[in-house]
Amino acid sequence: MRAIGYFREMPSRSLAEQSEEFLAFCTKNGYEAVAAFLDAKADESSPGFRQLLDFVRQQQSSGFLVIVLNRLGALGDGALETARRYFQLASLGVRVIAVDTGDEVARLLMDLWLEYRANGTLSEKVRTAMRTRAVKGEALGRPPYGYRVGPRRRLVVVTEEGSVVRYIFRLYLKDGLGIRRIARRLNEDGLRTRRQGLWSMVTVRDILRNRAYVGTYSRFGVRVPASHAPLISQEDFQVVQQRLDQRRPTGGSRHVSPFLLSGLAYCGYCGNKMIGVTRKQRWKRRSDGEVRTAQYRYYQCESRTNRSLCDYHTRRAEELDDEVRTAISAGAGTPLIHRPGNGASAAAHNEQEARRLRQKARRLDRRLEQCLDAAATGAMNQEKLLSTGLVLATEHLELEEHLALSNRVTQEQLSEGERRKHQAALVQSLKRDWDALPLHRRQELLREIIARVVIKDDAIETVLRP
């Protein structure tokens, strides 16, 4: 087992002391120390952590890796950043261990989050008051779909929304529809979420998992049964949970395999994003009874995947990646489409894009906070926390890299001529070094060159950045 150290400046231990502890830990546990990365606490860009991620990506194919920290808190500033960075590392398939306890970070994360919530920004007086209100069943924050806050701050059923909740449970429990088909049925029926949006697999699954619908109020680690009028019987709710658990995949640690065109691919029919999907199939050959397995990776319209809208538009990942590679090769394949623009408009576009990315990153952090809170109160099990955390942290990492790229482009491209020259140099770099470049570097270059890839069943349009 090969070990990588990650250190951050801290008052209690110097970087030299952390390095000595790392080497001693490796010697004691039989690890081979192969590298170490460090960050100054005042440097918000955390170049050491970025270098660590790049190193892990490059080393993934050459053996097992473990990341060694002096302590869990060394991974980030605050509990949320620590949790996010842990999931980002876990998405690359590596273990993370803290020297001070000898435990894997996965076992320590929830204790850190509970401590953070207990000693967070709220004063103890305010926290005590909110716990007291929660014990009384008084609603805090936004009520779940199907309810509103009524007299004495108790949850009261919203008739129209309550009917939709019952409809969702009936479709799943009585009619045997899966989560994707339920989302499609709701959208086809013209029903909308509270914000008048379309239903997705996530919103349907969250409703099926929410104990509020059996009359139980959960908040701040407090669970109050019979707090308000239920919409679903306890018996039906338990059957639904059992079915959901049976359908949840089990197995070892998950490794989220990134797709080259994540964030760039768009459906040419509905305009929504195309997302990467991995499917594994297992079958037995009739001729000799041998069991065969295969893995398929492809891009599929997000509207179809999450909301069962649009048609079944998919493209094999390897084939589509090759088409884009051909498209950026001068004089061959699908021509690149140049989006007109000048220096000022490009800078304005990049700044607008940076704002959008920062807003999306904040939304992802809020969702991760909600998942950690749900796990802390028992409303979400550890397996679901891991699977959801991996997805959110991976998407956040893509946003961080995209944002860094956008900032770099804004600084580098000062005029139309310079942009075109810079763009041509990147195209040449991709053509020359495509096979030698690691995946994340290819992604960076493509995002710097391409605004979007519009995908149809038999053609693509590769649109350059302005």
Protein backbone atom coordinates (compact mmCIF):
# COMPACT_ATOMS: atom_id res chain seq x y z
CA MET A 1 0.00 0.00 0.00
CA ARG A 2 1.38 3.39 -1.03
CA ALA A 3 0.71 6.45 1.13
CA ILE A 4 0.42 10.16 0.30
CA GLY A 5 0.65 12.82 2.99
CA TYR A 6 -1.38 16.01 3.03
CA PHE A 7 -0.49 18.78 5.51
CA ARG A 8 -1.83 22.24 6.29
CA GLU A 9 -0.20 24.93 8.36
CA MET A 10 -1.62 25.00 11.88
CA PRO A 11 -0.61 26.62 15.18
CA SER A 12 -0.35 23.33 17.07
CA ARG A 13 2.01 21.51 14.68
CA SER A 14 4.58 22.72 12.20
CA LEU A 15 4.78 21.25 8.72
CA ALA A 16 8.04 19.54 9.71
CA GLU A 17 6.35 17.85 12.69
CA GLN A 18 3.46 16.73 10.52
CA SER A 19 5.92 15.28 8.00
CA GLU A 20 7.71 13.33 10.74
CA GLU A 21 4.40 11.98 12.03
CA PHE A 22 3.43 10.95 8.51
CA LEU A 23 6.68 9.05 7.96
CA ALA A 24 6.46 7.39 11.39
CA PHE A 25 2.87 6.35 10.69
CA CYS A 26 3.91 4.83 7.34
CA THR A 27 6.78 2.91 8.93
CA LYS A 28 4.58 1.57 11.71
CA ASN A 29 1.82 0.40 9.35
CA GLY A 30 4.01 -0.85 6.51
CA TYR A 31 3.04 1.85 3.98
CA GLU A 32 5.37 3.14 1.28
CA ALA A 33 5.50 6.95 1.49
CA VAL A 34 5.46 8.15 -2.13
CA ALA A 35 4.59 11.85 -1.92
CA ALA A 36 3.44 14.69 0.32
CA PHE A 37 1.52 17.89 -0.43
CA LEU A 38 1.02 20.95 1.74
CA ASP A 39 -1.01 24.14 1.86
CA ALA A 40 -0.58 27.41 3.68
CA LYS A 41 -3.68 28.01 5.79
CA ALA A 42 -4.03 31.56 4.44
CA ASP A 43 -4.07 30.40 0.79
CA GLU A 44 -7.75 29.95 -0.08
CA SER A 45 -6.93 28.49 -3.51
CA SER A 46 -5.35 25.43 -1.82
CA PRO A 47 -2.82 24.60 -4.57
CA GLY A 48 -1.49 21.69 -2.53
CA PHE A 49 -4.88 19.99 -2.48
CA ARG A 50 -5.26 20.55 -6.24
CA GLN A 51 -1.84 18.98 -6.79
CA LEU A 52 -2.85 16.08 -4.56
CA LEU A 53 -5.95 15.43 -6.68
CA ASP A 54 -3.91 15.54 -9.89
CA PHE A 55 -1.32 13.15 -8.43
CA VAL A 56 -4.00 10.67 -7.33
CA ARG A 57 -5.57 10.72 -10.79
CA GLN A 58 -2.22 10.00 -12.41
CA GLN A 59 -1.40 7.19 -9.98
CA GLN A 60 -4.76 5.41 -9.94
CA SER A 61 -3.69 2.69 -12.36
CA SER A 62 -0.46 1.81 -10.54
CA GLY A 63 -1.69 0.35 -7.26
CA PHE A 64 -3.64 1.03 -4.06
CA LEU A 65 -3.35 4.45 -2.48
CA VAL A 66 -4.12 5.85 0.94
CA ILE A 67 -4.17 9.54 1.93
CA VAL A 68 -2.74 10.23 5.39
CA LEU A 69 -3.71 13.35 7.37
CA ASN A 70 -2.32 14.55 10.68
CA ARG A 71 -5.93 14.92 11.82
CA LEU A 72 -9.33 15.13 10.17
CA GLY A 73 -9.51 18.93 10.52
CA ALA A 74 -6.39 19.29 8.35
CA LEU A 75 -8.41 18.43 5.25
CA GLY A 76 -10.24 21.77 5.07
CA ASP A 77 -11.36 24.94 6.78
CA GLY A 78 -14.49 23.97 8.66
CA ALA A 79 -16.64 20.87 8.73
CA LEU A 80 -18.38 21.46 5.39
CA GLU A 81 -15.18 21.90 3.38
CA THR A 82 -13.64 18.92 5.18
CA ALA A 83 -16.64 16.74 4.28
CA ARG A 84 -16.66 17.95 0.69
CA ARG A 85 -12.94 17.28 0.23
CA TYR A 86 -13.23 13.85 1.82
CA PHE A 87 -15.94 12.88 -0.68
CA GLN A 88 -13.86 14.33 -3.54
CA LEU A 89 -10.96 12.07 -2.57
CA ALA A 90 -13.26 9.10 -1.99
CA SER A 91 -14.69 9.59 -5.50
CA LEU A 92 -11.21 8.82 -6.83
CA GLY A 93 -11.23 5.47 -5.05
CA VAL A 94 -8.70 6.21 -2.28
CA ARG A 95 -8.89 5.68 1.48
CA VAL A 96 -8.28 8.63 3.82
CA ILE A 97 -6.80 8.03 7.29
CA ALA A 98 -6.17 10.42 10.21
CA VAL A 99 -2.91 9.84 12.12
CA ASP A 100 -4.17 11.13 15.47
CA THR A 101 -6.80 8.38 15.73
CA GLY A 102 -5.60 5.82 13.20
CA ASP A 103 -9.17 5.61 11.86
CA GLU A 104 -10.50 6.10 8.38
CA VAL A 105 -12.05 9.53 7.90
CA ALA A 106 -15.38 7.97 6.91
CA ARG A 107 -15.82 6.82 10.52
CA LEU A 108 -14.93 10.23 11.94
CA LEU A 109 -16.89 12.45 9.60
CA MET A 110 -20.23 12.26 11.38
CA ASP A 111 -18.66 13.01 14.77
CA LEU A 112 -17.03 16.09 13.24
CA TRP A 113 -20.36 17.22 11.78
CA LEU A 114 -22.25 16.72 15.04
CA GLU A 115 -19.58 18.69 16.90
CA TYR A 116 -19.81 21.43 14.28
CA ARG A 117 -23.57 21.62 14.65
CA ALA A 118 -23.27 21.69 18.42
CA ASN A 119 -20.62 24.45 18.35
CA GLY A 120 -21.68 26.21 15.17
CA THR A 121 -22.53 29.81 14.45
CA LEU A 122 -25.72 29.78 16.50
CA SER A 123 -25.42 30.78 20.11
CA GLU A 124 -26.20 28.11 22.69
CA LYS A 125 -29.21 30.08 23.80
CA VAL A 126 -30.64 30.12 20.28
CA ARG A 127 -29.87 26.42 19.70
CA THR A 128 -31.56 25.49 22.97
CA ALA A 129 -34.63 27.50 22.04
CA MET A 130 -34.81 25.83 18.62
CA ARG A 131 -34.44 22.34 20.12
CA THR A 132 -37.22 23.19 22.58
CA ARG A 133 -39.48 24.22 19.71
CA ALA A 134 -38.56 21.05 17.80
CA VAL A 135 -39.48 18.89 20.82
CA LYS A 136 -42.89 20.56 20.82
CA GLY A 137 -43.30 19.72 17.14
CA GLU A 138 -43.16 23.36 16.07
CA ALA A 139 -42.05 23.69 12.43
CA LEU A 140 -38.63 25.20 11.81
CA GLY A 141 -37.57 26.25 8.34
CA ARG A 142 -39.31 25.31 5.10
CA PRO A 143 -42.13 22.75 5.52
CA PRO A 144 -42.01 19.58 3.39
CA TYR A 145 -44.09 19.33 0.24
CA GLY A 146 -47.66 18.54 1.23
CA TYR A 147 -47.66 20.73 4.34
CA ARG A 148 -47.65 24.37 5.38
CA VAL A 149 -46.98 26.00 8.73
CA GLY A 150 -50.29 26.58 10.48
CA PRO A 151 -51.46 27.77 13.91
CA ARG A 152 -49.02 27.20 16.79
CA ARG A 153 -46.40 26.56 14.08
CA ARG A 154 -47.64 23.03 13.52
CA LEU A 155 -47.55 21.40 10.11
CA VAL A 156 -50.94 21.47 8.41
CA VAL A 157 -51.84 19.49 5.28
CA VAL A 158 -52.09 21.39 1.98
CA THR A 159 -54.96 19.60 0.27
CA GLU A 160 -53.70 19.71 -3.34
CA GLU A 161 -50.10 18.86 -2.44
CA GLY A 162 -51.22 16.17 0.00
CA SER A 163 -53.15 14.48 -2.80
CA VAL A 164 -49.98 14.43 -4.93
CA VAL A 165 -47.99 12.86 -2.08
CA ARG A 166 -50.60 10.09 -1.69
CA TYR A 167 -50.61 9.64 -5.47
CA ILE A 168 -46.81 9.17 -5.48
CA PHE A 169 -46.94 6.54 -2.74
CA ARG A 170 -49.83 4.74 -4.48
CA LEU A 171 -47.98 4.66 -7.81
CA TYR A 172 -44.95 3.15 -6.10
CA LEU A 173 -46.68 0.81 -3.67
CA LYS A 174 -49.87 -0.30 -5.47
CA ASP A 175 -49.12 0.20 -9.16
CA GLY A 176 -45.50 -0.94 -8.96
CA LEU A 177 -44.03 2.01 -10.86
CA GLY A 178 -40.35 2.83 -10.38
CA ILE A 179 -39.11 6.28 -9.37
CA ARG A 180 -38.30 7.36 -12.94
CA ARG A 181 -41.70 6.29 -14.25
CA ILE A 182 -43.43 8.09 -11.38
CA ALA A 183 -41.62 11.33 -12.27
CA ARG A 184 -42.69 10.87 -15.88
CA ARG A 185 -46.32 10.22 -14.89
CA LEU A 186 -46.45 13.35 -12.73
CA ASN A 187 -45.03 15.50 -15.52
CA GLU A 188 -47.39 13.97 -18.11
CA ASP A 189 -50.32 14.67 -15.77
CA GLY A 190 -49.34 18.35 -15.69
CA LEU A 191 -48.52 18.28 -11.97
CA ARG A 192 -45.74 20.55 -10.76
CA THR A 193 -43.52 20.88 -7.72
CA ARG A 194 -44.06 23.65 -5.17
CA ARG A 195 -41.81 25.92 -7.24
CA GLN A 196 -43.75 25.02 -10.40
CA GLY A 197 -40.86 22.95 -11.67
CA LEU A 198 -40.80 19.52 -13.28
CA TRP A 199 -40.59 16.39 -11.17
CA SER A 200 -37.33 14.45 -11.16
CA MET A 201 -36.14 11.15 -9.71
CA VAL A 202 -34.51 13.03 -6.83
CA THR A 203 -37.67 14.89 -5.77
CA VAL A 204 -39.77 11.72 -5.99
CA ARG A 205 -37.23 9.68 -4.01
CA ASP A 206 -37.00 12.37 -1.31
CA ILE A 207 -40.76 12.27 -0.84
CA LEU A 208 -40.79 8.47 -0.59
CA ARG A 209 -38.07 8.64 2.08
CA ASN A 210 -39.51 11.48 4.18
CA ARG A 211 -40.92 10.40 7.58
CA ALA A 212 -42.87 13.63 7.82
CA TYR A 213 -45.62 11.89 5.83
CA VAL A 214 -46.32 9.44 8.68
CA GLY A 215 -46.74 12.35 11.10
CA THR A 216 -43.19 12.34 12.53
CA TYR A 217 -41.35 15.65 12.85
CA SER A 218 -37.52 15.48 12.76
CA ARG A 219 -35.18 18.41 13.32
CA PHE A 220 -32.00 19.21 15.28
CA GLY A 221 -31.57 15.57 16.28
CA VAL A 222 -35.09 15.51 17.72
CA ARG A 223 -37.75 13.10 16.41
CA VAL A 224 -41.37 13.70 17.51
CA PRO A 225 -43.91 11.01 16.48
CA ALA A 226 -47.58 11.97 15.99
CA SER A 227 -46.59 15.62 15.69
CA HIS A 228 -49.01 16.42 12.87
CA ALA A 229 -51.60 14.78 10.61
CA PRO A 230 -50.06 11.93 8.57
CA LEU A 231 -50.58 11.54 4.83
CA ILE A 232 -49.37 7.92 4.68
CA SER A 233 -49.90 5.03 7.07
CA GLN A 234 -46.91 3.72 9.02
CA GLU A 235 -47.41 0.27 7.47
CA ASP A 236 -47.35 1.54 3.88
CA PHE A 237 -44.34 3.74 4.60
CA GLN A 238 -42.35 0.78 5.98
CA VAL A 239 -43.14 -1.35 2.94
CA VAL A 240 -41.95 1.46 0.67
CA GLN A 241 -38.68 1.76 2.63
CA GLN A 242 -38.08 -1.98 2.36
CA ARG A 243 -38.60 -1.92 -1.39
CA LEU A 244 -36.31 1.07 -1.80
CA ASP A 245 -33.62 -0.65 0.27
CA GLN A 246 -33.92 -3.84 -1.79
CA ARG A 247 -33.45 -1.91 -5.02
CA ARG A 248 -30.43 0.01 -3.72
CA PRO A 249 -27.18 -1.50 -5.10
CA THR A 250 -24.84 -3.00 -2.56
CA GLY A 251 -21.15 -3.78 -2.70
CA GLY A 252 -17.75 -2.34 -1.94
CA SER A 253 -16.47 1.20 -2.18
CA ARG A 254 -17.73 3.25 -5.11
CA HIS A 255 -15.49 4.86 -7.64
CA VAL A 256 -17.14 7.62 -9.65
CA SER A 257 -15.63 7.40 -13.14
CA PRO A 258 -15.71 10.85 -14.80
CA PHE A 259 -16.88 11.42 -18.37
CA LEU A 260 -14.83 13.55 -20.74
CA LEU A 261 -17.72 15.76 -21.90
CA SER A 262 -19.40 16.31 -18.50
CA GLY A 263 -20.84 19.83 -18.46
CA LEU A 264 -20.24 20.33 -22.19
CA ALA A 265 -22.70 17.91 -23.84
CA TYR A 266 -26.25 19.11 -24.57
CA CYS A 267 -29.23 17.38 -26.16
CA GLY A 268 -29.92 18.71 -29.64
CA TYR A 269 -33.67 18.06 -29.25
CA CYS A 270 -34.69 19.53 -25.88
CA GLY A 271 -31.59 21.63 -25.04
CA ASN A 272 -30.99 19.98 -21.66
CA LYS A 273 -27.65 18.52 -20.61
CA MET A 274 -26.49 15.05 -21.59
CA ILE A 275 -25.17 13.18 -18.55
CA GLY A 276 -22.78 10.26 -18.31
CA VAL A 277 -24.34 6.89 -17.45
CA THR A 278 -22.58 3.62 -16.62
CA ARG A 279 -24.46 0.35 -16.87
CA LYS A 280 -23.24 -3.15 -16.06
CA GLN A 281 -24.85 -6.23 -17.60
CA ARG A 282 -24.49 -9.87 -16.65
CA TRP A 283 -25.73 -12.83 -18.66
CA LYS A 284 -25.21 -16.54 -19.20
CA ARG A 285 -24.33 -17.89 -22.63
CA ARG A 286 -26.65 -20.60 -23.90
CA SER A 287 -23.89 -22.47 -25.67
CA ASP A 288 -21.73 -23.32 -22.66
CA GLY A 289 -23.44 -21.70 -19.64
CA GLU A 290 -20.50 -19.34 -19.08
CA VAL A 291 -21.40 -16.19 -17.16
CA ARG A 292 -20.31 -13.04 -19.00
CA THR A 293 -20.25 -9.43 -17.84
CA ALA A 294 -19.87 -6.15 -19.69
CA GLN A 295 -19.87 -2.46 -18.81
CA TYR A 296 -21.41 0.20 -21.04
CA ARG A 297 -20.73 3.94 -20.77
CA TYR A 298 -22.85 6.41 -22.65
CA TYR A 299 -24.30 9.92 -22.59
CA GLN A 300 -28.06 10.25 -22.16
CA CYS A 301 -30.39 13.24 -22.14
CA GLU A 302 -30.88 14.42 -18.54
CA SER A 303 -34.55 15.18 -19.21
CA ARG A 304 -35.06 11.54 -20.11
CA THR A 305 -32.99 10.21 -17.22
CA ASN A 306 -34.37 12.29 -14.34
CA ARG A 307 -37.79 13.37 -15.55
CA SER A 308 -38.64 10.82 -18.26
CA LEU A 309 -39.15 13.66 -20.72
CA CYS A 310 -37.65 13.95 -24.21
CA ASP A 311 -37.02 10.78 -26.25
CA TYR A 312 -34.44 8.10 -25.67
CA HIS A 313 -31.41 9.91 -27.11
CA THR A 314 -28.12 8.25 -26.17
CA ARG A 315 -24.61 8.12 -27.60
CA ARG A 316 -21.82 5.71 -26.65
CA ALA A 317 -19.24 7.63 -24.61
CA GLU A 318 -16.17 6.37 -26.46
CA GLU A 319 -17.69 7.05 -29.88
CA LEU A 320 -18.88 10.55 -28.95
CA ASP A 321 -15.51 11.44 -27.41
CA ASP A 322 -13.85 10.38 -30.66
CA GLU A 323 -16.26 12.52 -32.69
CA VAL A 324 -15.37 15.58 -30.63
CA ARG A 325 -11.69 14.76 -31.03
CA THR A 326 -12.21 14.64 -34.81
CA ALA A 327 -14.20 17.88 -34.74
CA ILE A 328 -11.37 19.87 -33.19
CA SER A 329 -8.86 18.54 -35.71
CA ALA A 330 -8.32 21.15 -38.42
CA GLY A 331 -9.71 20.27 -41.82
CA ALA A 332 -11.39 17.05 -40.76
CA GLY A 333 -14.74 15.92 -39.48
CA THR A 334 -17.52 18.16 -38.22
CA PRO A 335 -16.49 21.82 -38.50
CA LEU A 336 -16.18 23.93 -35.41
CA ILE A 337 -18.76 26.67 -35.03
CA HIS A 338 -17.23 30.00 -34.03
CA ARG A 339 -19.36 32.13 -31.76
CA PRO A 340 -18.74 35.80 -32.58
CA GLY A 341 -17.35 38.06 -29.89
CA ASN A 342 -14.69 40.57 -28.96
CA GLY A 343 -12.47 41.09 -25.97
CA ALA A 344 -15.04 43.00 -23.92
CA SER A 345 -17.91 40.62 -24.67
CA ALA A 346 -15.70 37.60 -23.93
CA ALA A 347 -14.69 39.05 -20.58
CA ALA A 348 -18.32 39.79 -19.74
CA HIS A 349 -19.31 36.27 -20.78
CA ASN A 350 -16.58 34.75 -18.60
CA GLU A 351 -17.59 36.85 -15.58
CA GLN A 352 -21.23 35.87 -16.02
CA GLU A 353 -20.19 32.24 -16.29
CA ALA A 354 -18.06 32.57 -13.12
CA ARG A 355 -21.04 33.96 -11.18
CA ARG A 356 -23.22 31.11 -12.38
CA LEU A 357 -20.63 28.56 -11.32
CA ARG A 358 -20.21 30.12 -7.86
CA GLN A 359 -23.99 30.12 -7.34
CA LYS A 360 -24.22 26.47 -8.38
CA ALA A 361 -21.33 25.57 -6.05
CA ARG A 362 -23.18 27.19 -3.14
CA ARG A 363 -26.31 25.20 -4.00
CA LEU A 364 -24.29 21.97 -4.02
CA ASP A 365 -22.84 22.83 -0.60
CA ARG A 366 -26.35 23.45 0.76
CA ARG A 367 -27.44 20.04 -0.52
CA LEU A 368 -24.39 18.41 1.08
CA GLU A 369 -25.22 20.17 4.36
CA GLN A 370 -28.76 18.83 4.19
CA CYS A 371 -27.47 15.29 3.61
CA LEU A 372 -25.07 15.51 6.55
CA ASP A 373 -27.83 16.87 8.78
CA ALA A 374 -30.16 14.07 7.67
CA ALA A 375 -27.48 11.48 8.45
CA ALA A 376 -26.83 13.08 11.84
CA THR A 377 -30.52 12.80 12.77
CA GLY A 378 -30.91 9.26 11.43
CA ALA A 379 -33.11 10.32 8.51
CA MET A 380 -30.47 9.11 6.04
CA ASN A 381 -28.35 5.98 6.36
CA GLN A 382 -24.59 5.94 5.87
CA GLU A 383 -24.72 4.18 2.51
CA LYS A 384 -27.02 6.79 1.02
CA LEU A 385 -24.88 9.57 2.53
CA LEU A 386 -21.82 8.08 0.84
CA SER A 387 -23.45 7.66 -2.56
CA THR A 388 -25.02 11.14 -2.50
CA GLY A 389 -21.88 12.77 -1.08
CA LEU A 390 -19.74 11.27 -3.85
CA VAL A 391 -22.02 12.65 -6.56
CA LEU A 392 -22.29 16.14 -5.02
CA ALA A 393 -18.56 16.42 -4.27
CA THR A 394 -17.59 15.23 -7.75
CA GLU A 395 -19.88 17.81 -9.33
CA HIS A 396 -18.49 20.49 -7.00
CA LEU A 397 -14.94 19.55 -8.01
CA GLU A 398 -15.86 19.90 -11.68
CA LEU A 399 -17.27 23.36 -10.92
CA GLU A 400 -14.11 24.37 -9.06
CA GLU A 401 -11.93 23.33 -11.97
CA HIS A 402 -14.25 25.01 -14.46
CA LEU A 403 -14.23 28.21 -12.38
CA ALA A 404 -10.42 28.23 -12.16
CA LEU A 405 -10.32 27.77 -15.92
CA SER A 406 -12.80 30.60 -16.49
CA ASN A 407 -10.72 32.94 -14.30
CA ARG A 408 -7.56 31.98 -16.16
CA VAL A 409 -9.20 32.55 -19.53
CA THR A 410 -10.41 36.01 -18.46
CA GLN A 411 -6.88 37.00 -17.50
CA GLU A 412 -5.22 35.55 -20.59
CA GLN A 413 -7.56 36.52 -23.40
CA LEU A 414 -7.40 40.29 -23.70
CA SER A 415 -8.17 40.76 -27.37
CA GLU A 416 -9.80 38.97 -30.27
CA GLY A 417 -6.43 38.21 -31.86
CA GLU A 418 -4.96 36.87 -28.63
CA ARG A 419 -8.03 34.71 -28.00
CA ARG A 420 -7.86 33.17 -31.45
CA LYS A 421 -4.13 32.60 -31.12
CA HIS A 422 -4.57 31.09 -27.67
CA GLN A 423 -7.42 28.90 -28.90
CA ALA A 424 -5.41 27.65 -31.87
CA ALA A 425 -2.51 26.75 -29.58
CA LEU A 426 -4.81 24.70 -27.35
CA VAL A 427 -6.29 22.89 -30.35
CA GLN A 428 -2.79 21.99 -31.51
CA SER A 429 -1.92 20.79 -28.01
CA LEU A 430 -4.97 18.53 -27.94
CA LYS A 431 -4.25 17.15 -31.42
CA ARG A 432 -0.63 16.45 -30.57
CA ASP A 433 -0.93 15.12 -27.02
CA TRP A 434 -4.50 13.72 -26.78
CA ASP A 435 -3.50 10.14 -25.98
CA ALA A 436 -0.74 11.19 -23.58
CA LEU A 437 -2.85 13.67 -21.60
CA PRO A 438 -4.64 12.45 -18.44
CA LEU A 439 -8.43 12.70 -18.57
CA HIS A 440 -8.73 15.72 -16.27
CA ARG A 441 -6.23 17.69 -18.37
CA ARG A 442 -8.11 16.86 -21.57
CA GLN A 443 -11.28 18.08 -19.83
CA GLU A 444 -9.60 21.36 -18.87
CA LEU A 445 -8.44 22.03 -22.43
CA LEU A 446 -11.80 21.14 -23.95
CA ARG A 447 -13.64 23.44 -21.53
CA GLU A 448 -11.27 26.24 -22.42
CA ILE A 449 -11.89 25.76 -26.13
CA ILE A 450 -15.51 24.63 -26.35
CA ALA A 451 -18.69 26.31 -25.10
CA ARG A 452 -20.90 23.29 -25.75
CA VAL A 453 -21.33 20.17 -27.85
CA VAL A 454 -24.87 19.91 -29.24
CA ILE A 455 -25.68 16.24 -29.80
CA LYS A 456 -28.21 14.69 -32.14
CA ASP A 457 -28.66 11.05 -33.01
CA ASP A 458 -26.58 11.28 -36.19
CA ALA A 459 -24.52 14.45 -35.83
CA ILE A 460 -22.88 16.87 -33.41
CA GLU A 461 -22.20 20.62 -33.40
CA THR A 462 -19.08 21.69 -31.54
CA VAL A 463 -19.45 25.36 -30.56
CA LEU A 464 -16.28 27.24 -29.67
CA ARG A 465 -16.08 29.74 -26.84
CA PRO A 466 -16.35 33.38 -27.97
